Amino acid sequence: MKFSEKMQDIINKGIVASRDFVSKASEQAQVWGEMGVLKIEIVQLRSQAEKTTAQLGALVYAALSERGEPSVSVGDPAVVDLLARIKALETDIDAKEERYRRLGGKDSDLEQGHQG
């Protein structure tokens, strides 16, 4: 094989390797982008769940302390609504956390206050 042929072969292999690298880098960037979006969505859903849980607590507190009711029923429409919303948020959070883990994310990355 002539020197020029060897050089052309090396250049061709380099081009193929570069294409593979760019393709893999692009795929990884998409994964990281999706993970970032999931992380933001998880944080937002957790915040909504905390607020909804606080609403439930405030509802129970008002019934027991302010209105002097002896108990709060799970059949109360307001309680039923809040419990359903909390359950739906929990389901959404679990699904997004599972997707995040499947993409290679770690649970520690999702801890509140984690700087990453």
PDB file of N, CA and C in Angstrom:
ATOM      1  N   MET A   1       0.857  -1.176   0.000  1.00  0.00           N
ATOM      2  CA  MET A   1       0.000   0.000   0.000  1.00  0.00           C
ATOM      3  C   MET A   1       0.901   1.236   0.000  1.00  0.00           C
ATOM      4  N   LYS A   2       0.608   2.166  -0.858  1.00  0.00           N
ATOM      5  CA  LYS A   2       1.371   3.401  -0.958  1.00  0.00           C
ATOM      6  C   LYS A   2       1.101   4.281   0.256  1.00  0.00           C
ATOM      7  N   PHE A   3       2.051   5.175   0.523  1.00  0.00           N
ATOM      8  CA  PHE A   3       1.927   6.099   1.635  1.00  0.00           C
ATOM      9  C   PHE A   3       0.637   6.913   1.530  1.00  0.00           C
ATOM     10  N   SER A   4       0.332   7.395   0.349  1.00  0.00           N
ATOM     11  CA  SER A   4      -0.880   8.208   0.163  1.00  0.00           C
ATOM     12  C   SER A   4      -2.135   7.370   0.447  1.00  0.00           C
ATOM     13  N   GLU A   5      -2.096   6.099   0.089  1.00  0.00           N
ATOM     14  CA  GLU A   5      -3.241   5.223   0.359  1.00  0.00           C
ATOM     15  C   GLU A   5      -3.383   4.990   1.867  1.00  0.00           C
ATOM     16  N   LYS A   6      -2.249   4.803   2.532  1.00  0.00           N
ATOM     17  CA  LYS A   6      -2.282   4.620   3.988  1.00  0.00           C
ATOM     18  C   LYS A   6      -2.836   5.860   4.668  1.00  0.00           C
ATOM     19  N   MET A   7      -2.386   7.028   4.209  1.00  0.00           N
ATOM     20  CA  MET A   7      -2.869   8.275   4.800  1.00  0.00           C
ATOM     21  C   MET A   7      -4.367   8.449   4.552  1.00  0.00           C
ATOM     22  N   GLN A   8      -4.817   8.119   3.350  1.00  0.00           N
ATOM     23  CA  GLN A   8      -6.245   8.227   3.036  1.00  0.00           C
ATOM     24  C   GLN A   8      -7.042   7.270   3.911  1.00  0.00           C
ATOM     25  N   ASP A   9      -6.524   6.082   4.149  1.00  0.00           N
ATOM     26  CA  ASP A   9      -7.175   5.091   5.001  1.00  0.00           C
ATOM     27  C   ASP A   9      -7.278   5.619   6.436  1.00  0.00           C
ATOM     28  N   ILE A  10      -6.195   6.201   6.934  1.00  0.00           N
ATOM     29  CA  ILE A  10      -6.196   6.761   8.287  1.00  0.00           C
ATOM     30  C   ILE A  10      -7.212   7.904   8.384  1.00  0.00           C
ATOM     31  N   ILE A  11      -7.223   8.757   7.388  1.00  0.00           N
ATOM     32  CA  ILE A  11      -8.169   9.883   7.379  1.00  0.00           C
ATOM     33  C   ILE A  11      -9.608   9.374   7.360  1.00  0.00           C
ATOM     34  N   ASN A  12      -9.887   8.376   6.536  1.00  0.00           N
ATOM     35  CA  ASN A  12     -11.242   7.815   6.454  1.00  0.00           C
ATOM     36  C   ASN A  12     -11.670   7.209   7.786  1.00  0.00           C
ATOM     37  N   LYS A  13     -10.747   6.479   8.417  1.00  0.00           N
ATOM     38  CA  LYS A  13     -11.062   5.888   9.729  1.00  0.00           C
ATOM     39  C   LYS A  13     -11.297   6.985  10.755  1.00  0.00           C
ATOM     40  N   GLY A  14     -10.520   8.062  10.665  1.00  0.00           N
ATOM     41  CA  GLY A  14     -10.698   9.190  11.578  1.00  0.00           C
ATOM     42  C   GLY A  14     -12.042   9.859  11.398  1.00  0.00           C
ATOM     43  N   ILE A  15     -12.471   9.992  10.155  1.00  0.00           N
ATOM     44  CA  ILE A  15     -13.778  10.598   9.876  1.00  0.00           C
ATOM     45  C   ILE A  15     -14.897   9.735  10.446  1.00  0.00           C
ATOM     46  N   VAL A  16     -14.798   8.432  10.246  1.00  0.00           N
ATOM     47  CA  VAL A  16     -15.813   7.516  10.779  1.00  0.00           C
ATOM     48  C   VAL A  16     -15.824   7.590  12.303  1.00  0.00           C
ATOM     49  N   ALA A  17     -14.640   7.590  12.918  1.00  0.00           N
ATOM     50  CA  ALA A  17     -14.554   7.676  14.376  1.00  0.00           C
ATOM     51  C   ALA A  17     -15.142   8.998  14.872  1.00  0.00           C
ATOM     52  N   SER A  18     -14.878  10.083  14.151  1.00  0.00           N
ATOM     53  CA  SER A  18     -15.416  11.391  14.529  1.00  0.00           C
ATOM     54  C   SER A  18     -16.931  11.395  14.447  1.00  0.00           C
ATOM     55  N   ARG A  19     -17.474  10.821  13.390  1.00  0.00           N
ATOM     56  CA  ARG A  19     -18.941  10.734  13.250  1.00  0.00           C
ATOM     57  C   ARG A  19     -19.547   9.941  14.391  1.00  0.00           C
ATOM     58  N   ASP A  20     -18.907   8.816  14.727  1.00  0.00           N
ATOM     59  CA  ASP A  20     -19.404   7.997  15.842  1.00  0.00           C
ATOM     60  C   ASP A  20     -19.366   8.788  17.147  1.00  0.00           C
ATOM     61  N   PHE A  21     -18.262   9.499  17.358  1.00  0.00           N
ATOM     62  CA  PHE A  21     -18.133  10.293  18.576  1.00  0.00           C
ATOM     63  C   PHE A  21     -19.209  11.375  18.645  1.00  0.00           C
ATOM     64  N   VAL A  22     -19.397  12.090  17.560  1.00  0.00           N
ATOM     65  CA  VAL A  22     -20.405  13.159  17.527  1.00  0.00           C
ATOM     66  C   VAL A  22     -21.798  12.583  17.746  1.00  0.00           C
ATOM     67  N   SER A  23     -22.074  11.451  17.133  1.00  0.00           N
ATOM     68  CA  SER A  23     -23.376  10.810  17.294  1.00  0.00           C
ATOM     69  C   SER A  23     -23.604  10.416  18.751  1.00  0.00           C
ATOM     70  N   LYS A  24     -22.604   9.791  19.362  1.00  0.00           N
ATOM     71  CA  LYS A  24     -22.729   9.367  20.759  1.00  0.00           C
ATOM     72  C   LYS A  24     -22.822  10.571  21.684  1.00  0.00           C
ATOM     73  N   ALA A  25     -22.045  11.611  21.401  1.00  0.00           N
ATOM     74  CA  ALA A  25     -22.098  12.819  22.220  1.00  0.00           C
ATOM     75  C   ALA A  25     -23.473  13.470  22.115  1.00  0.00           C
ATOM     76  N   SER A  26     -24.037  13.485  20.923  1.00  0.00           N
ATOM     77  CA  SER A  26     -25.358  14.061  20.714  1.00  0.00           C
ATOM     78  C   SER A  26     -26.418  13.271  21.482  1.00  0.00           C
ATOM     79  N   GLU A  27     -26.325  11.953  21.404  1.00  0.00           N
ATOM     80  CA  GLU A  27     -27.269  11.099  22.138  1.00  0.00           C
ATOM     81  C   GLU A  27     -27.151  11.344  23.639  1.00  0.00           C
ATOM     82  N   GLN A  28     -25.922  11.458  24.136  1.00  0.00           N
ATOM     83  CA  GLN A  28     -25.721  11.691  25.570  1.00  0.00           C
ATOM     84  C   GLN A  28     -26.262  13.054  25.976  1.00  0.00           C
ATOM     85  N   ALA A  29     -26.066  14.043  25.132  1.00  0.00           N
ATOM     86  CA  ALA A  29     -26.591  15.375  25.426  1.00  0.00           C
ATOM     87  C   ALA A  29     -28.117  15.350  25.519  1.00  0.00           C
ATOM     88  N   GLN A  30     -28.746  14.571  24.642  1.00  0.00           N
ATOM     89  CA  GLN A  30     -30.201  14.445  24.691  1.00  0.00           C
ATOM     90  C   GLN A  30     -30.635  13.774  25.989  1.00  0.00           C
ATOM     91  N   VAL A  31     -29.892  12.736  26.402  1.00  0.00           N
ATOM     92  CA  VAL A  31     -30.209  12.052  27.661  1.00  0.00           C
ATOM     93  C   VAL A  31     -30.063  13.022  28.834  1.00  0.00           C
ATOM     94  N   TRP A  32     -28.959  13.783  28.841  1.00  0.00           N
ATOM     95  CA  TRP A  32     -28.753  14.743  29.930  1.00  0.00           C
ATOM     96  C   TRP A  32     -29.837  15.807  29.926  1.00  0.00           C
ATOM     97  N   GLY A  33     -30.253  16.232  28.745  1.00  0.00           N
ATOM     98  CA  GLY A  33     -31.331  17.204  28.644  1.00  0.00           C
ATOM     99  C   GLY A  33     -32.626  16.660  29.211  1.00  0.00           C
ATOM    100  N   GLU A  34     -32.929  15.426  28.855  1.00  0.00           N
ATOM    101  CA  GLU A  34     -34.146  14.791  29.374  1.00  0.00           C
ATOM    102  C   GLU A  34     -34.065  14.621  30.887  1.00  0.00           C
ATOM    103  N   MET A  35     -32.878  14.245  31.370  1.00  0.00           N
ATOM    104  CA  MET A  35     -32.703  14.091  32.819  1.00  0.00           C
ATOM    105  C   MET A  35     -32.900  15.426  33.529  1.00  0.00           C
ATOM    106  N   GLY A  36     -32.396  16.502  32.931  1.00  0.00           N
ATOM    107  CA  GLY A  36     -32.569  17.826  33.524  1.00  0.00           C
ATOM    108  C   GLY A  36     -34.029  18.222  33.598  1.00  0.00           C
ATOM    109  N   VAL A  37     -34.756  17.968  32.533  1.00  0.00           N
ATOM    110  CA  VAL A  37     -36.191  18.273  32.508  1.00  0.00           C
ATOM    111  C   VAL A  37     -36.920  17.433  33.560  1.00  0.00           C
ATOM    112  N   LEU A  38     -36.588  16.148  33.636  1.00  0.00           N
ATOM    113  CA  LEU A  38     -37.228  15.277  34.628  1.00  0.00           C
ATOM    114  C   LEU A  38     -36.944  15.763  36.045  1.00  0.00           C
ATOM    115  N   LYS A  39     -35.712  16.156  36.286  1.00  0.00           N
ATOM    116  CA  LYS A  39     -35.338  16.625  37.625  1.00  0.00           C
ATOM    117  C   LYS A  39     -36.157  17.845  38.013  1.00  0.00           C
ATOM    118  N   ILE A  40     -36.313  18.785  37.079  1.00  0.00           N
ATOM    119  CA  ILE A  40     -37.117  19.978  37.343  1.00  0.00           C
ATOM    120  C   ILE A  40     -38.575  19.593  37.596  1.00  0.00           C
ATOM    121  N   GLU A  41     -39.106  18.700  36.767  1.00  0.00           N
ATOM    122  CA  GLU A  41     -40.498  18.267  36.937  1.00  0.00           C
ATOM    123  C   GLU A  41     -40.695  17.575  38.286  1.00  0.00           C
ATOM    124  N   ILE A  42     -39.735  16.756  38.686  1.00  0.00           N
ATOM    125  CA  ILE A  42     -39.835  16.057  39.969  1.00  0.00           C
ATOM    126  C   ILE A  42     -39.855  17.056  41.118  1.00  0.00           C
ATOM    127  N   VAL A  43     -38.969  18.038  41.070  1.00  0.00           N
ATOM    128  CA  VAL A  43     -38.927  19.066  42.113  1.00  0.00           C
ATOM    129  C   VAL A  43     -40.256  19.813  42.171  1.00  0.00           C
ATOM    130  N   GLN A  44     -40.812  20.165  41.014  1.00  0.00           N
ATOM    131  CA  GLN A  44     -42.085  20.879  40.975  1.00  0.00           C
ATOM    132  C   GLN A  44     -43.217  20.015  41.527  1.00  0.00           C
ATOM    133  N   LEU A  45     -43.244  18.743  41.142  1.00  0.00           N
ATOM    134  CA  LEU A  45     -44.289  17.846  41.641  1.00  0.00           C
ATOM    135  C   LEU A  45     -44.172  17.641  43.146  1.00  0.00           C
ATOM    136  N   ARG A  46     -42.950  17.505  43.631  1.00  0.00           N
ATOM    137  CA  ARG A  46     -42.760  17.358  45.080  1.00  0.00           C
ATOM    138  C   ARG A  46     -43.252  18.600  45.811  1.00  0.00           C
ATOM    139  N   SER A  47     -42.989  19.763  45.249  1.00  0.00           N
ATOM    140  CA  SER A  47     -43.451  21.008  45.858  1.00  0.00           C
ATOM    141  C   SER A  47     -44.980  21.047  45.901  1.00  0.00           C
ATOM    142  N   GLN A  48     -45.615  20.641  44.795  1.00  0.00           N
ATOM    143  CA  GLN A  48     -47.079  20.590  44.756  1.00  0.00           C
ATOM    144  C   GLN A  48     -47.604  19.612  45.796  1.00  0.00           C
ATOM    145  N   ALA A  49     -46.935  18.467  45.947  1.00  0.00           N
ATOM    146  CA  ALA A  49     -47.363  17.469  46.928  1.00  0.00           C
ATOM    147  C   ALA A  49     -47.236  18.015  48.350  1.00  0.00           C
ATOM    148  N   GLU A  50     -46.143  18.735  48.617  1.00  0.00           N
ATOM    149  CA  GLU A  50     -45.969  19.333  49.939  1.00  0.00           C
ATOM    150  C   GLU A  50     -47.062  20.359  50.223  1.00  0.00           C
ATOM    151  N   LYS A  51     -47.381  21.189  49.240  1.00  0.00           N
ATOM    152  CA  LYS A  51     -48.417  22.206  49.420  1.00  0.00           C
ATOM    153  C   LYS A  51     -49.780  21.560  49.632  1.00  0.00           C
ATOM    154  N   THR A  52     -50.057  20.512  48.870  1.00  0.00           N
ATOM    155  CA  THR A  52     -51.347  19.825  48.995  1.00  0.00           C
ATOM    156  C   THR A  52     -51.441  19.120  50.347  1.00  0.00           C
ATOM    157  N   THR A  53     -50.349  18.538  50.795  1.00  0.00           N
ATOM    158  CA  THR A  53     -50.323  17.896  52.115  1.00  0.00           C
ATOM    159  C   THR A  53     -50.525  18.950  53.204  1.00  0.00           C
ATOM    160  N   ALA A  54     -49.921  20.113  53.033  1.00  0.00           N
ATOM    161  CA  ALA A  54     -50.116  21.209  53.990  1.00  0.00           C
ATOM    162  C   ALA A  54     -51.573  21.661  53.995  1.00  0.00           C
ATOM    163  N   GLN A  55     -52.214  21.689  52.826  1.00  0.00           N
ATOM    164  CA  GLN A  55     -53.629  22.048  52.750  1.00  0.00           C
ATOM    165  C   GLN A  55     -54.472  21.049  53.528  1.00  0.00           C
ATOM    166  N   LEU A  56     -54.122  19.759  53.380  1.00  0.00           N
ATOM    167  CA  LEU A  56     -54.841  18.720  54.113  1.00  0.00           C
ATOM    168  C   LEU A  56     -54.657  18.921  55.618  1.00  0.00           C
ATOM    169  N   GLY A  57     -53.428  19.197  56.025  1.00  0.00           N
ATOM    170  CA  GLY A  57     -53.162  19.448  57.441  1.00  0.00           C
ATOM    171  C   GLY A  57     -53.921  20.653  57.957  1.00  0.00           C
ATOM    172  N   ALA A  58     -53.962  21.721  57.159  1.00  0.00           N
ATOM    173  CA  ALA A  58     -54.693  22.921  57.560  1.00  0.00           C
ATOM    174  C   ALA A  58     -56.191  22.640  57.675  1.00  0.00           C
ATOM    175  N   LEU A  59     -56.704  21.824  56.751  1.00  0.00           N
ATOM    176  CA  LEU A  59     -58.118  21.454  56.789  1.00  0.00           C
ATOM    177  C   LEU A  59     -58.436  20.675  58.064  1.00  0.00           C
ATOM    178  N   VAL A  60     -57.592  19.722  58.390  1.00  0.00           N
ATOM    179  CA  VAL A  60     -57.796  18.917  59.604  1.00  0.00           C
ATOM    180  C   VAL A  60     -57.654  19.793  60.843  1.00  0.00           C
ATOM    181  N   TYR A  61     -56.644  20.630  60.857  1.00  0.00           N
ATOM    182  CA  TYR A  61     -56.437  21.532  61.999  1.00  0.00           C
ATOM    183  C   TYR A  61     -57.656  22.423  62.215  1.00  0.00           C
ATOM    184  N   ALA A  62     -58.150  23.020  61.123  1.00  0.00           N
ATOM    185  CA  ALA A  62     -59.315  23.910  61.233  1.00  0.00           C
ATOM    186  C   ALA A  62     -60.519  23.157  61.767  1.00  0.00           C
ATOM    187  N   ALA A  63     -60.729  21.949  61.287  1.00  0.00           N
ATOM    188  CA  ALA A  63     -61.886  21.168  61.732  1.00  0.00           C
ATOM    189  C   ALA A  63     -61.770  20.816  63.212  1.00  0.00           C
ATOM    190  N   LEU A  64     -60.601  20.360  63.632  1.00  0.00           N
ATOM    191  CA  LEU A  64     -60.441  19.899  65.012  1.00  0.00           C
ATOM    192  C   LEU A  64     -60.262  21.035  66.011  1.00  0.00           C
ATOM    193  N   SER A  65     -59.472  22.026  65.649  1.00  0.00           N
ATOM    194  CA  SER A  65     -59.149  23.082  66.613  1.00  0.00           C
ATOM    195  C   SER A  65     -60.075  24.283  66.514  1.00  0.00           C
ATOM    196  N   GLU A  66     -60.293  24.758  65.337  1.00  0.00           N
ATOM    197  CA  GLU A  66     -61.058  26.002  65.187  1.00  0.00           C
ATOM    198  C   GLU A  66     -62.561  25.780  65.248  1.00  0.00           C
ATOM    199  N   ARG A  67     -63.021  24.678  64.645  1.00  0.00           N
ATOM    200  CA  ARG A  67     -64.468  24.417  64.652  1.00  0.00           C
ATOM    201  C   ARG A  67     -64.864  23.437  65.748  1.00  0.00           C
ATOM    202  N   GLY A  68     -63.891  22.871  66.440  1.00  0.00           N
ATOM    203  CA  GLY A  68     -64.163  21.980  67.558  1.00  0.00           C
ATOM    204  C   GLY A  68     -64.793  20.657  67.189  1.00  0.00           C
ATOM    205  N   GLU A  69     -64.658  20.233  65.946  1.00  0.00           N
ATOM    206  CA  GLU A  69     -65.219  18.948  65.532  1.00  0.00           C
ATOM    207  C   GLU A  69     -64.412  17.828  66.204  1.00  0.00           C
ATOM    208  N   PRO A  70     -65.091  16.744  66.609  1.00  0.00           N
ATOM    209  CA  PRO A  70     -64.386  15.662  67.307  1.00  0.00           C
ATOM    210  C   PRO A  70     -63.489  14.814  66.396  1.00  0.00           C
ATOM    211  N   SER A  71     -63.771  14.839  65.098  1.00  0.00           N
ATOM    212  CA  SER A  71     -62.957  14.049  64.167  1.00  0.00           C
ATOM    213  C   SER A  71     -63.139  14.584  62.746  1.00  0.00           C
ATOM    214  N   VAL A  72     -62.299  14.076  61.879  1.00  0.00           N
ATOM    215  CA  VAL A  72     -62.393  14.414  60.458  1.00  0.00           C
ATOM    216  C   VAL A  72     -62.572  13.100  59.716  1.00  0.00           C
ATOM    217  N   SER A  73     -63.519  13.077  58.812  1.00  0.00           N
ATOM    218  CA  SER A  73     -63.833  11.843  58.088  1.00  0.00           C
ATOM    219  C   SER A  73     -63.120  11.804  56.738  1.00  0.00           C
ATOM    220  N   VAL A  74     -62.642  10.611  56.378  1.00  0.00           N
ATOM    221  CA  VAL A  74     -62.046  10.446  55.050  1.00  0.00           C
ATOM    222  C   VAL A  74     -63.121  10.536  53.984  1.00  0.00           C
ATOM    223  N   GLY A  75     -64.372  10.515  54.381  1.00  0.00           N
ATOM    224  CA  GLY A  75     -65.474  10.672  53.440  1.00  0.00           C
ATOM    225  C   GLY A  75     -65.804  12.126  53.156  1.00  0.00           C
ATOM    226  N   ASP A  76     -65.230  13.036  53.924  1.00  0.00           N
ATOM    227  CA  ASP A  76     -65.450  14.468  53.703  1.00  0.00           C
ATOM    228  C   ASP A  76     -64.971  14.815  52.295  1.00  0.00           C
ATOM    229  N   PRO A  77     -65.825  15.481  51.486  1.00  0.00           N
ATOM    230  CA  PRO A  77     -65.447  15.770  50.099  1.00  0.00           C
ATOM    231  C   PRO A  77     -64.114  16.517  49.956  1.00  0.00           C
ATOM    232  N   ALA A  78     -63.843  17.449  50.849  1.00  0.00           N
ATOM    233  CA  ALA A  78     -62.584  18.189  50.770  1.00  0.00           C
ATOM    234  C   ALA A  78     -61.400  17.267  51.051  1.00  0.00           C
ATOM    235  N   VAL A  79     -61.565  16.361  51.992  1.00  0.00           N
ATOM    236  CA  VAL A  79     -60.502  15.406  52.327  1.00  0.00           C
ATOM    237  C   VAL A  79     -60.306  14.434  51.163  1.00  0.00           C
ATOM    238  N   VAL A  80     -61.395  13.946  50.613  1.00  0.00           N
ATOM    239  CA  VAL A  80     -61.325  13.014  49.483  1.00  0.00           C
ATOM    240  C   VAL A  80     -60.571  13.665  48.323  1.00  0.00           C
ATOM    241  N   ASP A  81     -60.911  14.924  48.028  1.00  0.00           N
ATOM    242  CA  ASP A  81     -60.262  15.640  46.927  1.00  0.00           C
ATOM    243  C   ASP A  81     -58.756  15.791  47.183  1.00  0.00           C
ATOM    244  N   LEU A  82     -58.396  16.227  48.361  1.00  0.00           N
ATOM    245  CA  LEU A  82     -56.977  16.428  48.666  1.00  0.00           C
ATOM    246  C   LEU A  82     -56.202  15.115  48.647  1.00  0.00           C
ATOM    247  N   LEU A  83     -56.793  14.063  49.204  1.00  0.00           N
ATOM    248  CA  LEU A  83     -56.126  12.751  49.190  1.00  0.00           C
ATOM    249  C   LEU A  83     -55.932  12.242  47.758  1.00  0.00           C
ATOM    250  N   ALA A  84     -56.921  12.459  46.913  1.00  0.00           N
ATOM    251  CA  ALA A  84     -56.806  12.038  45.506  1.00  0.00           C
ATOM    252  C   ALA A  84     -55.702  12.821  44.793  1.00  0.00           C
ATOM    253  N   ARG A  85     -55.634  14.119  45.070  1.00  0.00           N
ATOM    254  CA  ARG A  85     -54.586  14.935  44.450  1.00  0.00           C
ATOM    255  C   ARG A  85     -53.203  14.496  44.925  1.00  0.00           C
ATOM    256  N   ILE A  86     -53.077  14.203  46.203  1.00  0.00           N
ATOM    257  CA  ILE A  86     -51.784  13.742  46.742  1.00  0.00           C
ATOM    258  C   ILE A  86     -51.399  12.415  46.105  1.00  0.00           C
ATOM    259  N   LYS A  87     -52.357  11.511  45.983  1.00  0.00           N
ATOM    260  CA  LYS A  87     -52.077  10.201  45.387  1.00  0.00           C
ATOM    261  C   LYS A  87     -51.661  10.351  43.925  1.00  0.00           C
ATOM    262  N   ALA A  88     -52.330  11.214  43.179  1.00  0.00           N
ATOM    263  CA  ALA A  88     -51.989  11.432  41.773  1.00  0.00           C
ATOM    264  C   ALA A  88     -50.580  12.015  41.653  1.00  0.00           C
ATOM    265  N   LEU A  89     -50.248  12.958  42.523  1.00  0.00           N
ATOM    266  CA  LEU A  89     -48.900  13.534  42.513  1.00  0.00           C
ATOM    267  C   LEU A  89     -47.853  12.477  42.850  1.00  0.00           C
ATOM    268  N   GLU A  90     -48.166  11.642  43.823  1.00  0.00           N
ATOM    269  CA  GLU A  90     -47.251  10.558  44.212  1.00  0.00           C
ATOM    270  C   GLU A  90     -46.990   9.616  43.029  1.00  0.00           C
ATOM    271  N   THR A  91     -48.048   9.281  42.304  1.00  0.00           N
ATOM    272  CA  THR A  91     -47.920   8.410  41.132  1.00  0.00           C
ATOM    273  C   THR A  91     -47.054   9.061  40.065  1.00  0.00           C
ATOM    274  N   ASP A  92     -47.284  10.352  39.809  1.00  0.00           N
ATOM    275  CA  ASP A  92     -46.491  11.083  38.815  1.00  0.00           C
ATOM    276  C   ASP A  92     -45.019  11.160  39.227  1.00  0.00           C
ATOM    277  N   ILE A  93     -44.778  11.450  40.493  1.00  0.00           N
ATOM    278  CA  ILE A  93     -43.407  11.543  41.003  1.00  0.00           C
ATOM    279  C   ILE A  93     -42.701  10.206  40.855  1.00  0.00           C
ATOM    280  N   ASP A  94     -43.365   9.121  41.260  1.00  0.00           N
ATOM    281  CA  ASP A  94     -42.762   7.786  41.156  1.00  0.00           C
ATOM    282  C   ASP A  94     -42.396   7.449  39.715  1.00  0.00           C
ATOM    283  N   ALA A  95     -43.282   7.767  38.780  1.00  0.00           N
ATOM    284  CA  ALA A  95     -43.035   7.465  37.367  1.00  0.00           C
ATOM    285  C   ALA A  95     -41.847   8.268  36.839  1.00  0.00           C
ATOM    286  N   LYS A  96     -41.785   9.545  37.187  1.00  0.00           N
ATOM    287  CA  LYS A  96     -40.684  10.387  36.707  1.00  0.00           C
ATOM    288  C   LYS A  96     -39.355   9.998  37.361  1.00  0.00           C
ATOM    289  N   GLU A  97     -39.396   9.632  38.637  1.00  0.00           N
ATOM    290  CA  GLU A  97     -38.172   9.179  39.304  1.00  0.00           C
ATOM    291  C   GLU A  97     -37.664   7.884  38.676  1.00  0.00           C
ATOM    292  N   GLU A  98     -38.575   6.985  38.337  1.00  0.00           N
ATOM    293  CA  GLU A  98     -38.177   5.730  37.695  1.00  0.00           C
ATOM    294  C   GLU A  98     -37.557   6.001  36.332  1.00  0.00           C
ATOM    295  N   ARG A  99     -38.158   6.893  35.564  1.00  0.00           N
ATOM    296  CA  ARG A  99     -37.600   7.261  34.255  1.00  0.00           C
ATOM    297  C   ARG A  99     -36.213   7.889  34.423  1.00  0.00           C
ATOM    298  N   TYR A 100     -36.067   8.736  35.417  1.00  0.00           N
ATOM    299  CA  TYR A 100     -34.782   9.381  35.704  1.00  0.00           C
ATOM    300  C   TYR A 100     -33.716   8.328  36.012  1.00  0.00           C
ATOM    301  N   ARG A 101     -34.068   7.340  36.836  1.00  0.00           N
ATOM    302  CA  ARG A 101     -33.120   6.256  37.175  1.00  0.00           C
ATOM    303  C   ARG A 101     -32.780   5.421  35.942  1.00  0.00           C
ATOM    304  N   ARG A 102     -33.766   5.143  35.090  1.00  0.00           N
ATOM    305  CA  ARG A 102     -33.504   4.351  33.875  1.00  0.00           C
ATOM    306  C   ARG A 102     -32.543   5.070  32.941  1.00  0.00           C
ATOM    307  N   LEU A 103     -32.552   6.397  32.969  1.00  0.00           N
ATOM    308  CA  LEU A 103     -31.642   7.177  32.133  1.00  0.00           C
ATOM    309  C   LEU A 103     -30.243   7.274  32.747  1.00  0.00           C
ATOM    310  N   GLY A 104     -30.092   6.735  33.951  1.00  0.00           N
ATOM    311  CA  GLY A 104     -28.779   6.732  34.592  1.00  0.00           C
ATOM    312  C   GLY A 104     -28.657   7.682  35.766  1.00  0.00           C
ATOM    313  N   GLY A 105     -29.746   8.357  36.119  1.00  0.00           N
ATOM    314  CA  GLY A 105     -29.715   9.279  37.250  1.00  0.00           C
ATOM    315  C   GLY A 105     -29.695   8.538  38.572  1.00  0.00           C
ATOM    316  N   LYS A 106     -29.181   9.220  39.581  1.00  0.00           N
ATOM    317  CA  LYS A 106     -29.084   8.651  40.930  1.00  0.00           C
ATOM    318  C   LYS A 106     -30.115   9.306  41.840  1.00  0.00           C
ATOM    319  N   ASP A 107     -30.616   8.532  42.780  1.00  0.00           N
ATOM    320  CA  ASP A 107     -31.576   9.073  43.738  1.00  0.00           C
ATOM    321  C   ASP A 107     -30.968  10.237  44.510  1.00  0.00           C
ATOM    322  N   SER A 108     -29.670  10.163  44.807  1.00  0.00           N
ATOM    323  CA  SER A 108     -29.023  11.227  45.571  1.00  0.00           C
ATOM    324  C   SER A 108     -29.078  12.560  44.817  1.00  0.00           C
ATOM    325  N   ASP A 109     -29.150  12.511  43.487  1.00  0.00           N
ATOM    326  CA  ASP A 109     -29.248  13.737  42.690  1.00  0.00           C
ATOM    327  C   ASP A 109     -30.616  14.407  42.855  1.00  0.00           C
ATOM    328  N   LEU A 110     -31.576  13.642  43.333  1.00  0.00           N
ATOM    329  CA  LEU A 110     -32.937  14.165  43.470  1.00  0.00           C
ATOM    330  C   LEU A 110     -33.244  14.641  44.885  1.00  0.00           C
ATOM    331  N   GLU A 111     -32.288  14.477  45.794  1.00  0.00           N
ATOM    332  CA  GLU A 111     -32.520  14.907  47.169  1.00  0.00           C
ATOM    333  C   GLU A 111     -32.635  16.410  47.213  1.00  0.00           C
ATOM    334  N   GLN A 112     -33.548  16.894  48.038  1.00  0.00           N
ATOM    335  CA  GLN A 112     -33.726  18.337  48.151  1.00  0.00           C
ATOM    336  C   GLN A 112     -32.469  18.952  48.729  1.00  0.00           C
ATOM    337  N   GLY A 113     -32.142  20.113  48.209  1.00  0.00           N
ATOM    338  CA  GLY A 113     -30.964  20.816  48.684  1.00  0.00           C
ATOM    339  C   GLY A 113     -29.690  20.345  48.031  1.00  0.00           C
ATOM    340  N   HIS A 114     -29.791  19.306  47.163  1.00  0.00           N
ATOM    341  CA  HIS A 114     -28.590  18.797  46.481  1.00  0.00           C
ATOM    342  C   HIS A 114     -28.153  19.799  45.434  1.00  0.00           C
ATOM    343  N   GLN A 115     -26.916  20.145  45.467  1.00  0.00           N
ATOM    344  CA  GLN A 115     -26.358  21.061  44.472  1.00  0.00           C
ATOM    345  C   GLN A 115     -25.566  20.231  43.491  1.00  0.00           C
ATOM    346  N   GLY A 116     -25.964  20.217  42.248  1.00  0.00           N
ATOM    347  CA  GLY A 116     -25.241  19.376  41.315  1.00  0.00           C
ATOM    348  C   GLY A 116     -25.229  19.943  40.001  1.00  0.00           C
TER     349      GLY A 116
END
